[in-house]
Amino acid sequence: MLVNAFTGEFEGAIAFGGPVRYLSKAEALNVVASALRTDPKDLKDASAILVFQPSEITNVRALPFWRVTVKGRTFFVDQNGKLYDRLSLGRPGN
């Protein structure tokens, strides 16, 4: 169930076929560090925030993604650990 954290209102319910494991902040930073070919310790000043916006990454509120900003560059990491360098809106109907 999805509940609005500010108002307490019901927002929706989603069923999964099995347990869902969410990517941790440290794991998302590791994905970005690997792409940048640097040690994750070098990303200590990076900002990593779990967000949701309907896009090609996901249209499911229960599967948010990480927005990681490093020295002015923004990356997105989905719950499967896939890296995106931009946020593209999904096509209508997706």
N, C-alpha and C. Protein backbone atom coordinates (compact mmCIF):
# COMPACT_ATOMS: atom_id res chain seq x y z
N MET A 1 0.83 -1.17 0.00
CA MET A 1 0.00 0.00 0.00
C MET A 1 0.88 1.23 0.00
N LEU A 2 0.46 2.22 -0.72
CA LEU A 2 1.15 3.50 -0.73
C LEU A 2 0.30 4.52 0.00
N VAL A 3 0.90 5.16 0.99
CA VAL A 3 0.22 6.16 1.80
C VAL A 3 1.02 7.45 1.72
N ASN A 4 0.35 8.57 1.50
CA ASN A 4 1.00 9.87 1.46
C ASN A 4 1.58 10.17 2.83
N ALA A 5 2.89 10.38 2.90
CA ALA A 5 3.56 10.60 4.18
C ALA A 5 3.16 11.92 4.83
N PHE A 6 2.68 12.87 4.05
CA PHE A 6 2.31 14.18 4.58
C PHE A 6 0.86 14.23 5.05
N THR A 7 -0.04 13.60 4.28
CA THR A 7 -1.47 13.70 4.60
C THR A 7 -2.05 12.42 5.19
N GLY A 8 -1.37 11.30 5.02
CA GLY A 8 -1.89 10.02 5.49
C GLY A 8 -2.93 9.42 4.56
N GLU A 9 -3.15 10.06 3.41
CA GLU A 9 -4.16 9.57 2.47
C GLU A 9 -3.64 8.38 1.68
N PHE A 10 -4.54 7.47 1.39
CA PHE A 10 -4.26 6.31 0.57
C PHE A 10 -3.96 6.76 -0.86
N GLU A 11 -2.87 6.23 -1.45
CA GLU A 11 -2.53 6.60 -2.82
C GLU A 11 -2.60 5.43 -3.78
N GLY A 12 -2.54 4.23 -3.27
CA GLY A 12 -2.62 3.08 -4.17
C GLY A 12 -2.09 1.83 -3.52
N ALA A 13 -2.30 0.72 -4.23
CA ALA A 13 -1.80 -0.57 -3.76
C ALA A 13 -1.21 -1.31 -4.94
N ILE A 14 -0.12 -2.00 -4.69
CA ILE A 14 0.57 -2.73 -5.74
C ILE A 14 0.92 -4.11 -5.20
N ALA A 15 0.74 -5.12 -6.03
CA ALA A 15 1.10 -6.49 -5.64
C ALA A 15 2.30 -6.94 -6.45
N PHE A 16 3.23 -7.57 -5.79
CA PHE A 16 4.40 -8.12 -6.44
C PHE A 16 4.33 -9.64 -6.35
N GLY A 17 4.98 -10.33 -7.26
CA GLY A 17 4.96 -11.78 -7.29
C GLY A 17 5.80 -12.42 -6.18
N GLY A 18 6.62 -11.63 -5.53
CA GLY A 18 7.48 -12.13 -4.47
C GLY A 18 8.08 -10.97 -3.71
N PRO A 19 8.96 -11.26 -2.80
CA PRO A 19 9.59 -10.18 -2.02
C PRO A 19 10.36 -9.22 -2.93
N VAL A 20 10.34 -7.96 -2.58
CA VAL A 20 11.05 -6.94 -3.34
C VAL A 20 12.21 -6.44 -2.49
N ARG A 21 13.39 -6.40 -3.07
CA ARG A 21 14.56 -5.88 -2.39
C ARG A 21 14.90 -4.53 -3.02
N TYR A 22 15.00 -3.51 -2.18
CA TYR A 22 15.31 -2.18 -2.67
C TYR A 22 16.81 -1.92 -2.59
N LEU A 23 17.32 -1.24 -3.58
CA LEU A 23 18.73 -0.86 -3.65
C LEU A 23 19.02 0.17 -2.56
N SER A 24 20.07 -0.04 -1.81
CA SER A 24 20.43 0.92 -0.76
C SER A 24 21.15 2.12 -1.35
N LYS A 25 21.26 3.16 -0.56
CA LYS A 25 21.99 4.37 -0.98
C LYS A 25 23.44 4.01 -1.31
N ALA A 26 24.07 3.21 -0.46
CA ALA A 26 25.46 2.81 -0.69
C ALA A 26 25.60 2.05 -2.01
N GLU A 27 24.63 1.18 -2.31
CA GLU A 27 24.68 0.42 -3.56
C GLU A 27 24.52 1.34 -4.77
N ALA A 28 23.63 2.32 -4.65
CA ALA A 28 23.45 3.28 -5.75
C ALA A 28 24.73 4.09 -5.97
N LEU A 29 25.37 4.50 -4.88
CA LEU A 29 26.63 5.23 -5.01
C LEU A 29 27.71 4.35 -5.63
N ASN A 30 27.71 3.06 -5.31
CA ASN A 30 28.68 2.14 -5.92
C ASN A 30 28.49 2.04 -7.42
N VAL A 31 27.23 2.03 -7.88
CA VAL A 31 26.94 1.97 -9.31
C VAL A 31 27.51 3.21 -10.00
N VAL A 32 27.28 4.37 -9.42
CA VAL A 32 27.78 5.62 -10.01
C VAL A 32 29.30 5.65 -9.96
N ALA A 33 29.89 5.24 -8.86
CA ALA A 33 31.35 5.23 -8.74
C ALA A 33 31.97 4.32 -9.80
N SER A 34 31.36 3.18 -10.02
CA SER A 34 31.85 2.26 -11.04
C SER A 34 31.81 2.90 -12.43
N ALA A 35 30.70 3.59 -12.73
CA ALA A 35 30.57 4.25 -14.03
C ALA A 35 31.61 5.36 -14.20
N LEU A 36 31.92 6.04 -13.11
CA LEU A 36 32.91 7.12 -13.15
C LEU A 36 34.33 6.60 -12.99
N ARG A 37 34.45 5.30 -12.79
CA ARG A 37 35.75 4.65 -12.58
C ARG A 37 36.53 5.28 -11.44
N THR A 38 35.83 5.39 -10.32
CA THR A 38 36.43 5.95 -9.12
C THR A 38 36.02 5.11 -7.92
N ASP A 39 36.69 5.33 -6.83
CA ASP A 39 36.38 4.63 -5.59
C ASP A 39 35.12 5.25 -4.98
N PRO A 40 34.20 4.44 -4.47
CA PRO A 40 32.99 5.00 -3.84
C PRO A 40 33.32 5.99 -2.73
N LYS A 41 34.46 5.84 -2.07
CA LYS A 41 34.86 6.78 -1.02
C LYS A 41 35.07 8.18 -1.57
N ASP A 42 35.35 8.28 -2.88
CA ASP A 42 35.54 9.59 -3.51
C ASP A 42 34.22 10.33 -3.70
N LEU A 43 33.11 9.66 -3.46
CA LEU A 43 31.78 10.27 -3.64
C LEU A 43 31.18 10.72 -2.32
N LYS A 44 32.01 10.97 -1.33
CA LYS A 44 31.49 11.33 -0.01
C LYS A 44 30.67 12.62 -0.02
N ASP A 45 30.92 13.50 -0.98
CA ASP A 45 30.17 14.75 -1.08
C ASP A 45 28.97 14.64 -2.03
N ALA A 46 28.74 13.46 -2.57
CA ALA A 46 27.64 13.27 -3.51
C ALA A 46 26.30 13.32 -2.77
N SER A 47 25.30 13.77 -3.47
CA SER A 47 23.94 13.79 -2.94
C SER A 47 23.20 12.61 -3.57
N ALA A 48 22.55 11.80 -2.75
CA ALA A 48 21.77 10.67 -3.25
C ALA A 48 20.40 10.70 -2.59
N ILE A 49 19.37 10.83 -3.42
CA ILE A 49 18.00 10.96 -2.92
C ILE A 49 17.11 9.96 -3.67
N LEU A 50 16.29 9.26 -2.92
CA LEU A 50 15.34 8.33 -3.51
C LEU A 50 14.13 9.14 -4.00
N VAL A 51 13.81 9.02 -5.29
CA VAL A 51 12.74 9.82 -5.89
C VAL A 51 11.85 8.96 -6.79
N PHE A 52 10.70 9.52 -7.13
CA PHE A 52 9.84 8.90 -8.13
C PHE A 52 9.33 9.99 -9.06
N GLN A 53 9.42 9.70 -10.33
CA GLN A 53 8.81 10.52 -11.36
C GLN A 53 8.49 9.58 -12.52
N PRO A 54 7.25 9.59 -13.01
CA PRO A 54 6.96 8.72 -14.14
C PRO A 54 7.95 9.00 -15.27
N SER A 55 8.60 7.96 -15.74
CA SER A 55 9.64 8.12 -16.76
C SER A 55 9.92 6.77 -17.39
N GLU A 56 10.92 6.75 -18.26
CA GLU A 56 11.31 5.48 -18.86
C GLU A 56 11.94 4.56 -17.83
N ILE A 57 12.39 5.10 -16.71
CA ILE A 57 12.99 4.28 -15.66
C ILE A 57 11.90 3.47 -14.97
N THR A 58 10.83 4.11 -14.59
CA THR A 58 9.72 3.42 -13.93
C THR A 58 8.45 4.27 -13.99
N ASN A 59 7.34 3.58 -14.03
CA ASN A 59 6.03 4.23 -13.90
C ASN A 59 5.32 3.74 -12.66
N VAL A 60 6.04 3.00 -11.82
CA VAL A 60 5.46 2.37 -10.63
C VAL A 60 5.97 3.10 -9.39
N ARG A 61 5.06 3.71 -8.66
CA ARG A 61 5.45 4.48 -7.46
C ARG A 61 6.17 3.64 -6.42
N ALA A 62 5.88 2.35 -6.39
CA ALA A 62 6.51 1.48 -5.41
C ALA A 62 7.94 1.11 -5.79
N LEU A 63 8.39 1.56 -6.96
CA LEU A 63 9.76 1.31 -7.41
C LEU A 63 10.46 2.63 -7.72
N PRO A 64 10.72 3.42 -6.70
CA PRO A 64 11.42 4.69 -6.94
C PRO A 64 12.86 4.42 -7.36
N PHE A 65 13.54 5.47 -7.77
CA PHE A 65 14.93 5.34 -8.19
C PHE A 65 15.78 6.37 -7.47
N TRP A 66 17.08 6.17 -7.52
CA TRP A 66 18.01 7.08 -6.86
C TRP A 66 18.44 8.18 -7.82
N ARG A 67 18.41 9.42 -7.35
CA ARG A 67 18.98 10.56 -8.09
C ARG A 67 20.28 10.91 -7.37
N VAL A 68 21.40 10.71 -8.06
CA VAL A 68 22.71 10.93 -7.47
C VAL A 68 23.38 12.09 -8.19
N THR A 69 23.77 13.10 -7.42
CA THR A 69 24.43 14.27 -7.99
C THR A 69 25.87 14.31 -7.48
N VAL A 70 26.80 14.35 -8.42
CA VAL A 70 28.22 14.36 -8.12
C VAL A 70 28.87 15.51 -8.88
N LYS A 71 29.37 16.48 -8.14
CA LYS A 71 30.07 17.63 -8.76
C LYS A 71 29.28 18.23 -9.92
N GLY A 72 27.99 18.44 -9.69
CA GLY A 72 27.15 19.10 -10.69
C GLY A 72 26.58 18.17 -11.75
N ARG A 73 26.99 16.91 -11.77
CA ARG A 73 26.45 15.94 -12.73
C ARG A 73 25.41 15.08 -12.02
N THR A 74 24.31 14.81 -12.70
CA THR A 74 23.24 14.02 -12.11
C THR A 74 23.10 12.69 -12.84
N PHE A 75 22.98 11.64 -12.05
CA PHE A 75 22.78 10.30 -12.56
C PHE A 75 21.54 9.71 -11.87
N PHE A 76 20.98 8.69 -12.50
CA PHE A 76 19.81 8.02 -11.95
C PHE A 76 20.10 6.53 -11.92
N VAL A 77 19.75 5.88 -10.81
CA VAL A 77 19.99 4.45 -10.66
C VAL A 77 18.68 3.79 -10.27
N ASP A 78 18.24 2.82 -11.08
CA ASP A 78 16.98 2.14 -10.77
C ASP A 78 17.20 1.04 -9.74
N GLN A 79 16.13 0.39 -9.34
CA GLN A 79 16.19 -0.63 -8.29
C GLN A 79 16.93 -1.89 -8.72
N ASN A 80 17.20 -2.02 -10.01
CA ASN A 80 17.99 -3.15 -10.51
C ASN A 80 19.47 -2.80 -10.63
N GLY A 81 19.82 -1.55 -10.30
CA GLY A 81 21.21 -1.12 -10.39
C GLY A 81 21.62 -0.62 -11.76
N LYS A 82 20.65 -0.35 -12.63
CA LYS A 82 20.96 0.17 -13.95
C LYS A 82 21.13 1.69 -13.86
N LEU A 83 22.16 2.18 -14.52
CA LEU A 83 22.51 3.60 -14.48
C LEU A 83 21.93 4.34 -15.69
N TYR A 84 21.40 5.54 -15.44
CA TYR A 84 20.89 6.43 -16.49
C TYR A 84 21.56 7.77 -16.31
N ASP A 85 21.91 8.42 -17.42
CA ASP A 85 22.53 9.74 -17.31
C ASP A 85 21.55 10.88 -17.55
N ARG A 86 20.30 10.51 -17.85
CA ARG A 86 19.25 11.53 -17.99
C ARG A 86 17.91 10.90 -17.68
N LEU A 87 16.97 11.74 -17.37
CA LEU A 87 15.62 11.29 -17.04
C LEU A 87 14.73 11.63 -18.22
N SER A 88 14.31 10.60 -18.95
CA SER A 88 13.45 10.79 -20.10
C SER A 88 12.03 10.40 -19.72
N LEU A 89 11.10 11.25 -20.06
CA LEU A 89 9.70 10.93 -19.81
C LEU A 89 9.29 9.76 -20.68
N GLY A 90 8.52 8.86 -20.12
CA GLY A 90 8.05 7.72 -20.88
C GLY A 90 7.10 8.15 -21.98
N ARG A 91 6.95 7.28 -22.97
CA ARG A 91 6.00 7.56 -24.04
C ARG A 91 4.59 7.35 -23.54
N PRO A 92 3.62 8.14 -24.02
CA PRO A 92 2.23 7.94 -23.59
C PRO A 92 1.81 6.49 -23.82
N GLY A 93 1.11 5.95 -22.83
CA GLY A 93 0.66 4.57 -22.93
C GLY A 93 1.61 3.59 -22.30
N ASN A 94 2.81 4.02 -21.93
CA ASN A 94 3.77 3.11 -21.28
C ASN A 94 3.59 3.12 -19.79
